[in-house]
Amino acid sequence: MVTLTHVPRTASKLVPVAVAIFALGVLALAAIFALYASGHHDLPLWLNASAGVGVPLGLGLALIALFGEARRR
C-alpha cells in the first residue's frame, strides 16, 4: 500500500487582498456603466480612478501571488 504524506499548504495572504481590490474595481466599473446608461456624465475622478486602477491592480496582485505560491512548491 502506498501512503502519501500530507504536505501543509501555506496559503498566500495576498490572494484575498487582491480579490477584494479586483471586486471593488469591478463594482466601480459596473457603477460607471450604470450611471452612464442613466444619463449621468462628468463622473467623479475617484470613481473613474478606482475602476481604472482597481481591476488591473487586483488581477496583477493575484497573478503575482499565485505564481509565487506555485513556484514555492
PDB file of N, CA and C in Angstrom:
ATOM      1  N   MET A   1       0.835  -1.167   0.000  1.00  0.00           N
ATOM      2  CA  MET A   1       0.000   0.000   0.000  1.00  0.00           C
ATOM      3  C   MET A   1       0.889   1.242   0.000  1.00  0.00           C
ATOM      4  N   VAL A   2       0.513   2.222  -0.812  1.00  0.00           N
ATOM      5  CA  VAL A   2       1.256   3.459  -0.917  1.00  0.00           C
ATOM      6  C   VAL A   2       0.550   4.510  -0.074  1.00  0.00           C
ATOM      7  N   THR A   3       1.317   5.141   0.791  1.00  0.00           N
ATOM      8  CA  THR A   3       0.740   6.215   1.594  1.00  0.00           C
ATOM      9  C   THR A   3       1.363   7.533   1.173  1.00  0.00           C
ATOM     10  N   LEU A   4       0.543   8.510   1.054  1.00  0.00           N
ATOM     11  CA  LEU A   4       1.011   9.843   0.696  1.00  0.00           C
ATOM     12  C   LEU A   4       1.052  10.697   1.949  1.00  0.00           C
ATOM     13  N   THR A   5       2.137  11.392   2.114  1.00  0.00           N
ATOM     14  CA  THR A   5       2.228  12.280   3.267  1.00  0.00           C
ATOM     15  C   THR A   5       1.544  13.590   2.935  1.00  0.00           C
ATOM     16  N   HIS A   6       0.893  14.127   3.905  1.00  0.00           N
ATOM     17  CA  HIS A   6       0.190  15.389   3.714  1.00  0.00           C
ATOM     18  C   HIS A   6       1.176  16.527   3.888  1.00  0.00           C
ATOM     19  N   VAL A   7       1.301  17.324   2.845  1.00  0.00           N
ATOM     20  CA  VAL A   7       2.178  18.490   2.900  1.00  0.00           C
ATOM     21  C   VAL A   7       1.324  19.680   3.277  1.00  0.00           C
ATOM     22  N   PRO A   8       1.657  20.357   4.371  1.00  0.00           N
ATOM     23  CA  PRO A   8       0.841  21.516   4.752  1.00  0.00           C
ATOM     24  C   PRO A   8       0.935  22.618   3.701  1.00  0.00           C
ATOM     25  N   ARG A   9      -0.203  23.146   3.367  1.00  0.00           N
ATOM     26  CA  ARG A   9      -0.264  24.184   2.343  1.00  0.00           C
ATOM     27  C   ARG A   9      -0.279  25.553   3.012  1.00  0.00           C
ATOM     28  N   THR A  10       0.648  26.373   2.630  1.00  0.00           N
ATOM     29  CA  THR A  10       0.691  27.725   3.166  1.00  0.00           C
ATOM     30  C   THR A  10       0.007  28.649   2.169  1.00  0.00           C
ATOM     31  N   ALA A  11      -1.157  29.089   2.507  1.00  0.00           N
ATOM     32  CA  ALA A  11      -1.909  29.974   1.618  1.00  0.00           C
ATOM     33  C   ALA A  11      -1.338  31.385   1.695  1.00  0.00           C
ATOM     34  N   SER A  12      -1.262  31.996   0.546  1.00  0.00           N
ATOM     35  CA  SER A  12      -0.758  33.355   0.487  1.00  0.00           C
ATOM     36  C   SER A  12      -1.819  34.316   1.001  1.00  0.00           C
ATOM     37  N   LYS A  13      -1.415  35.246   1.818  1.00  0.00           N
ATOM     38  CA  LYS A  13      -2.346  36.238   2.349  1.00  0.00           C
ATOM     39  C   LYS A  13      -2.617  37.338   1.335  1.00  0.00           C
ATOM     40  N   LEU A  14      -1.857  37.343   0.260  1.00  0.00           N
ATOM     41  CA  LEU A  14      -2.026  38.371  -0.763  1.00  0.00           C
ATOM     42  C   LEU A  14      -3.221  38.087  -1.668  1.00  0.00           C
ATOM     43  N   VAL A  15      -3.590  36.836  -1.840  1.00  0.00           N
ATOM     44  CA  VAL A  15      -4.680  36.485  -2.748  1.00  0.00           C
ATOM     45  C   VAL A  15      -6.021  37.077  -2.296  1.00  0.00           C
ATOM     46  N   PRO A  16      -6.426  36.935  -1.029  1.00  0.00           N
ATOM     47  CA  PRO A  16      -7.712  37.558  -0.644  1.00  0.00           C
ATOM     48  C   PRO A  16      -7.706  39.083  -0.774  1.00  0.00           C
ATOM     49  N   VAL A  17      -6.575  39.701  -0.515  1.00  0.00           N
ATOM     50  CA  VAL A  17      -6.475  41.156  -0.679  1.00  0.00           C
ATOM     51  C   VAL A  17      -6.628  41.521  -2.152  1.00  0.00           C
ATOM     52  N   ALA A  18      -5.979  40.760  -3.025  1.00  0.00           N
ATOM     53  CA  ALA A  18      -6.069  41.016  -4.460  1.00  0.00           C
ATOM     54  C   ALA A  18      -7.487  40.808  -4.970  1.00  0.00           C
ATOM     55  N   VAL A  19      -8.168  39.784  -4.468  1.00  0.00           N
ATOM     56  CA  VAL A  19      -9.545  39.532  -4.884  1.00  0.00           C
ATOM     57  C   VAL A  19     -10.456  40.668  -4.425  1.00  0.00           C
ATOM     58  N   ALA A  20     -10.223  41.177  -3.228  1.00  0.00           N
ATOM     59  CA  ALA A  20     -11.033  42.287  -2.729  1.00  0.00           C
ATOM     60  C   ALA A  20     -10.818  43.546  -3.567  1.00  0.00           C
ATOM     61  N   ILE A  21      -9.576  43.843  -3.915  1.00  0.00           N
ATOM     62  CA  ILE A  21      -9.284  45.012  -4.756  1.00  0.00           C
ATOM     63  C   ILE A  21      -9.922  44.847  -6.126  1.00  0.00           C
ATOM     64  N   PHE A  22      -9.811  43.645  -6.699  1.00  0.00           N
ATOM     65  CA  PHE A  22     -10.405  43.372  -8.002  1.00  0.00           C
ATOM     66  C   PHE A  22     -11.926  43.534  -7.946  1.00  0.00           C
ATOM     67  N   ALA A  23     -12.552  43.001  -6.890  1.00  0.00           N
ATOM     68  CA  ALA A  23     -14.010  43.085  -6.758  1.00  0.00           C
ATOM     69  C   ALA A  23     -14.469  44.534  -6.608  1.00  0.00           C
ATOM     70  N   LEU A  24     -13.747  45.327  -5.847  1.00  0.00           N
ATOM     71  CA  LEU A  24     -14.097  46.741  -5.716  1.00  0.00           C
ATOM     72  C   LEU A  24     -13.953  47.482  -7.044  1.00  0.00           C
ATOM     73  N   GLY A  25     -12.935  47.127  -7.797  1.00  0.00           N
ATOM     74  CA  GLY A  25     -12.763  47.732  -9.123  1.00  0.00           C
ATOM     75  C   GLY A  25     -13.881  47.359 -10.074  1.00  0.00           C
ATOM     76  N   VAL A  26     -14.321  46.095 -10.020  1.00  0.00           N
ATOM     77  CA  VAL A  26     -15.429  45.663 -10.876  1.00  0.00           C
ATOM     78  C   VAL A  26     -16.731  46.349 -10.458  1.00  0.00           C
ATOM     79  N   LEU A  27     -16.938  46.511  -9.155  1.00  0.00           N
ATOM     80  CA  LEU A  27     -18.130  47.228  -8.693  1.00  0.00           C
ATOM     81  C   LEU A  27     -18.112  48.684  -9.162  1.00  0.00           C
ATOM     82  N   ALA A  28     -16.957  49.313  -9.103  1.00  0.00           N
ATOM     83  CA  ALA A  28     -16.846  50.692  -9.581  1.00  0.00           C
ATOM     84  C   ALA A  28     -17.099  50.758 -11.085  1.00  0.00           C
ATOM     85  N   LEU A  29     -16.616  49.768 -11.818  1.00  0.00           N
ATOM     86  CA  LEU A  29     -16.838  49.716 -13.259  1.00  0.00           C
ATOM     87  C   LEU A  29     -18.321  49.538 -13.572  1.00  0.00           C
ATOM     88  N   ALA A  30     -18.996  48.679 -12.820  1.00  0.00           N
ATOM     89  CA  ALA A  30     -20.434  48.488 -13.009  1.00  0.00           C
ATOM     90  C   ALA A  30     -21.201  49.765 -12.671  1.00  0.00           C
ATOM     91  N   ALA A  31     -20.762  50.472 -11.637  1.00  0.00           N
ATOM     92  CA  ALA A  31     -21.414  51.730 -11.272  1.00  0.00           C
ATOM     93  C   ALA A  31     -21.237  52.768 -12.376  1.00  0.00           C
ATOM     94  N   ILE A  32     -20.068  52.807 -12.986  1.00  0.00           N
ATOM     95  CA  ILE A  32     -19.827  53.747 -14.080  1.00  0.00           C
ATOM     96  C   ILE A  32     -20.743  53.445 -15.261  1.00  0.00           C
ATOM     97  N   PHE A  33     -20.853  52.175 -15.628  1.00  0.00           N
ATOM     98  CA  PHE A  33     -21.734  51.813 -16.735  1.00  0.00           C
ATOM     99  C   PHE A  33     -23.184  52.147 -16.417  1.00  0.00           C
ATOM    100  N   ALA A  34     -23.606  51.874 -15.202  1.00  0.00           N
ATOM    101  CA  ALA A  34     -24.993  52.160 -14.818  1.00  0.00           C
ATOM    102  C   ALA A  34     -25.263  53.667 -14.829  1.00  0.00           C
ATOM    103  N   LEU A  35     -24.315  54.446 -14.338  1.00  0.00           N
ATOM    104  CA  LEU A  35     -24.504  55.898 -14.319  1.00  0.00           C
ATOM    105  C   LEU A  35     -24.514  56.489 -15.725  1.00  0.00           C
ATOM    106  N   TYR A  36     -23.630  55.993 -16.597  1.00  0.00           N
ATOM    107  CA  TYR A  36     -23.635  56.482 -17.973  1.00  0.00           C
ATOM    108  C   TYR A  36     -24.923  56.086 -18.684  1.00  0.00           C
ATOM    109  N   ALA A  37     -25.417  54.880 -18.422  1.00  0.00           N
ATOM    110  CA  ALA A  37     -26.655  54.432 -19.056  1.00  0.00           C
ATOM    111  C   ALA A  37     -27.850  55.243 -18.589  1.00  0.00           C
ATOM    112  N   SER A  38     -27.784  55.745 -17.360  1.00  0.00           N
ATOM    113  CA  SER A  38     -28.896  56.550 -16.847  1.00  0.00           C
ATOM    114  C   SER A  38     -28.760  58.036 -17.200  1.00  0.00           C
ATOM    115  N   GLY A  39     -27.727  58.393 -17.931  1.00  0.00           N
ATOM    116  CA  GLY A  39     -27.605  59.764 -18.422  1.00  0.00           C
ATOM    117  C   GLY A  39     -26.661  60.656 -17.653  1.00  0.00           C
ATOM    118  N   HIS A  40     -25.993  60.153 -16.650  1.00  0.00           N
ATOM    119  CA  HIS A  40     -25.045  60.985 -15.894  1.00  0.00           C
ATOM    120  C   HIS A  40     -23.710  61.056 -16.637  1.00  0.00           C
ATOM    121  N   HIS A  41     -23.153  62.224 -16.653  1.00  0.00           N
ATOM    122  CA  HIS A  41     -21.839  62.434 -17.279  1.00  0.00           C
ATOM    123  C   HIS A  41     -20.971  63.192 -16.285  1.00  0.00           C
ATOM    124  N   ASP A  42     -19.717  63.334 -16.594  1.00  0.00           N
ATOM    125  CA  ASP A  42     -18.746  64.005 -15.718  1.00  0.00           C
ATOM    126  C   ASP A  42     -18.751  63.363 -14.329  1.00  0.00           C
ATOM    127  N   LEU A  43     -18.470  62.078 -14.301  1.00  0.00           N
ATOM    128  CA  LEU A  43     -18.438  61.328 -13.045  1.00  0.00           C
ATOM    129  C   LEU A  43     -17.213  61.738 -12.233  1.00  0.00           C
ATOM    130  N   PRO A  44     -17.248  61.521 -10.916  1.00  0.00           N
ATOM    131  CA  PRO A  44     -16.117  61.929 -10.078  1.00  0.00           C
ATOM    132  C   PRO A  44     -14.828  61.169 -10.431  1.00  0.00           C
ATOM    133  N   LEU A  45     -13.744  61.853 -10.234  1.00  0.00           N
ATOM    134  CA  LEU A  45     -12.441  61.276 -10.558  1.00  0.00           C
ATOM    135  C   LEU A  45     -12.156  60.028  -9.738  1.00  0.00           C
ATOM    136  N   TRP A  46     -12.556  60.019  -8.449  1.00  0.00           N
ATOM    137  CA  TRP A  46     -12.260  58.864  -7.608  1.00  0.00           C
ATOM    138  C   TRP A  46     -12.960  57.607  -8.117  1.00  0.00           C
ATOM    139  N   LEU A  47     -14.147  57.757  -8.714  1.00  0.00           N
ATOM    140  CA  LEU A  47     -14.860  56.600  -9.245  1.00  0.00           C
ATOM    141  C   LEU A  47     -14.172  56.068 -10.494  1.00  0.00           C
ATOM    142  N   ASN A  48     -13.794  56.972 -11.383  1.00  0.00           N
ATOM    143  CA  ASN A  48     -13.075  56.552 -12.588  1.00  0.00           C
ATOM    144  C   ASN A  48     -11.716  55.947 -12.250  1.00  0.00           C
ATOM    145  N   ALA A  49     -11.023  56.543 -11.286  1.00  0.00           N
ATOM    146  CA  ALA A  49      -9.706  56.033 -10.912  1.00  0.00           C
ATOM    147  C   ALA A  49      -9.802  54.671 -10.235  1.00  0.00           C
ATOM    148  N   SER A  50     -10.810  54.484  -9.401  1.00  0.00           N
ATOM    149  CA  SER A  50     -10.933  53.193  -8.721  1.00  0.00           C
ATOM    150  C   SER A  50     -11.267  52.083  -9.707  1.00  0.00           C
ATOM    151  N   ALA A  51     -12.042  52.388 -10.735  1.00  0.00           N
ATOM    152  CA  ALA A  51     -12.337  51.384 -11.752  1.00  0.00           C
ATOM    153  C   ALA A  51     -11.120  51.137 -12.641  1.00  0.00           C
ATOM    154  N   GLY A  52     -10.425  52.198 -12.980  1.00  0.00           N
ATOM    155  CA  GLY A  52      -9.280  52.066 -13.885  1.00  0.00           C
ATOM    156  C   GLY A  52      -8.052  51.459 -13.242  1.00  0.00           C
ATOM    157  N   VAL A  53      -7.922  51.615 -11.943  1.00  0.00           N
ATOM    158  CA  VAL A  53      -6.746  51.095 -11.247  1.00  0.00           C
ATOM    159  C   VAL A  53      -7.065  49.802 -10.504  1.00  0.00           C
ATOM    160  N   GLY A  54      -8.274  49.690  -9.959  1.00  0.00           N
ATOM    161  CA  GLY A  54      -8.619  48.544  -9.117  1.00  0.00           C
ATOM    162  C   GLY A  54      -8.619  47.215  -9.843  1.00  0.00           C
ATOM    163  N   VAL A  55      -9.199  47.186 -11.027  1.00  0.00           N
ATOM    164  CA  VAL A  55      -9.298  45.922 -11.762  1.00  0.00           C
ATOM    165  C   VAL A  55      -7.916  45.397 -12.162  1.00  0.00           C
ATOM    166  N   PRO A  56      -7.094  46.171 -12.863  1.00  0.00           N
ATOM    167  CA  PRO A  56      -5.788  45.619 -13.237  1.00  0.00           C
ATOM    168  C   PRO A  56      -4.857  45.388 -12.050  1.00  0.00           C
ATOM    169  N   LEU A  57      -4.958  46.246 -11.022  1.00  0.00           N
ATOM    170  CA  LEU A  57      -4.107  46.058  -9.849  1.00  0.00           C
ATOM    171  C   LEU A  57      -4.466  44.769  -9.119  1.00  0.00           C
ATOM    172  N   GLY A  58      -5.754  44.529  -8.918  1.00  0.00           N
ATOM    173  CA  GLY A  58      -6.187  43.298  -8.264  1.00  0.00           C
ATOM    174  C   GLY A  58      -5.798  42.065  -9.062  1.00  0.00           C
ATOM    175  N   LEU A  59      -5.992  42.119 -10.369  1.00  0.00           N
ATOM    176  CA  LEU A  59      -5.622  40.988 -11.220  1.00  0.00           C
ATOM    177  C   LEU A  59      -4.114  40.749 -11.181  1.00  0.00           C
ATOM    178  N   GLY A  60      -3.344  41.814 -11.257  1.00  0.00           N
ATOM    179  CA  GLY A  60      -1.891  41.668 -11.219  1.00  0.00           C
ATOM    180  C   GLY A  60      -1.386  41.116  -9.903  1.00  0.00           C
ATOM    181  N   LEU A  61      -1.925  41.615  -8.793  1.00  0.00           N
ATOM    182  CA  LEU A  61      -1.510  41.104  -7.484  1.00  0.00           C
ATOM    183  C   LEU A  61      -1.876  39.632  -7.313  1.00  0.00           C
ATOM    184  N   ALA A  62      -3.056  39.258  -7.795  1.00  0.00           N
ATOM    185  CA  ALA A  62      -3.468  37.853  -7.691  1.00  0.00           C
ATOM    186  C   ALA A  62      -2.559  36.961  -8.515  1.00  0.00           C
ATOM    187  N   LEU A  63      -2.213  37.396  -9.707  1.00  0.00           N
ATOM    188  CA  LEU A  63      -1.316  36.593 -10.540  1.00  0.00           C
ATOM    189  C   LEU A  63       0.069  36.477  -9.925  1.00  0.00           C
ATOM    190  N   ILE A  64       0.582  37.561  -9.380  1.00  0.00           N
ATOM    191  CA  ILE A  64       1.890  37.518  -8.726  1.00  0.00           C
ATOM    192  C   ILE A  64       1.862  36.568  -7.541  1.00  0.00           C
ATOM    193  N   ALA A  65       0.804  36.634  -6.734  1.00  0.00           N
ATOM    194  CA  ALA A  65       0.698  35.763  -5.561  1.00  0.00           C
ATOM    195  C   ALA A  65       0.567  34.297  -5.968  1.00  0.00           C
ATOM    196  N   LEU A  66      -0.246  34.028  -6.983  1.00  0.00           N
ATOM    197  CA  LEU A  66      -0.441  32.641  -7.402  1.00  0.00           C
ATOM    198  C   LEU A  66       0.803  32.059  -8.061  1.00  0.00           C
ATOM    199  N   PHE A  67       1.493  32.852  -8.869  1.00  0.00           N
ATOM    200  CA  PHE A  67       2.735  32.363  -9.468  1.00  0.00           C
ATOM    201  C   PHE A  67       3.810  32.138  -8.407  1.00  0.00           C
ATOM    202  N   GLY A  68       3.871  33.041  -7.441  1.00  0.00           N
ATOM    203  CA  GLY A  68       4.842  32.866  -6.351  1.00  0.00           C
ATOM    204  C   GLY A  68       4.539  31.642  -5.517  1.00  0.00           C
ATOM    205  N   GLU A  69       3.261  31.388  -5.265  1.00  0.00           N
ATOM    206  CA  GLU A  69       2.874  30.203  -4.499  1.00  0.00           C
ATOM    207  C   GLU A  69       3.163  28.925  -5.273  1.00  0.00           C
ATOM    208  N   ALA A  70       2.934  28.944  -6.572  1.00  0.00           N
ATOM    209  CA  ALA A  70       3.211  27.767  -7.383  1.00  0.00           C
ATOM    210  C   ALA A  70       4.709  27.507  -7.500  1.00  0.00           C
ATOM    211  N   ARG A  71       5.471  28.561  -7.484  1.00  0.00           N
ATOM    212  CA  ARG A  71       6.933  28.402  -7.584  1.00  0.00           C
ATOM    213  C   ARG A  71       7.536  27.822  -6.318  1.00  0.00           C
ATOM    214  N   ARG A  72       6.910  28.113  -5.182  1.00  0.00           N
ATOM    215  CA  ARG A  72       7.429  27.601  -3.924  1.00  0.00           C
ATOM    216  C   ARG A  72       7.229  26.098  -3.782  1.00  0.00           C
ATOM    217  N   ARG A  73       6.308  25.567  -4.546  1.00  0.00           N
ATOM    218  CA  ARG A  73       6.015  24.117  -4.421  1.00  0.00           C
ATOM    219  C   ARG A  73       6.978  23.286  -5.176  1.00  0.00           C
TER     220      ARG A  73
END
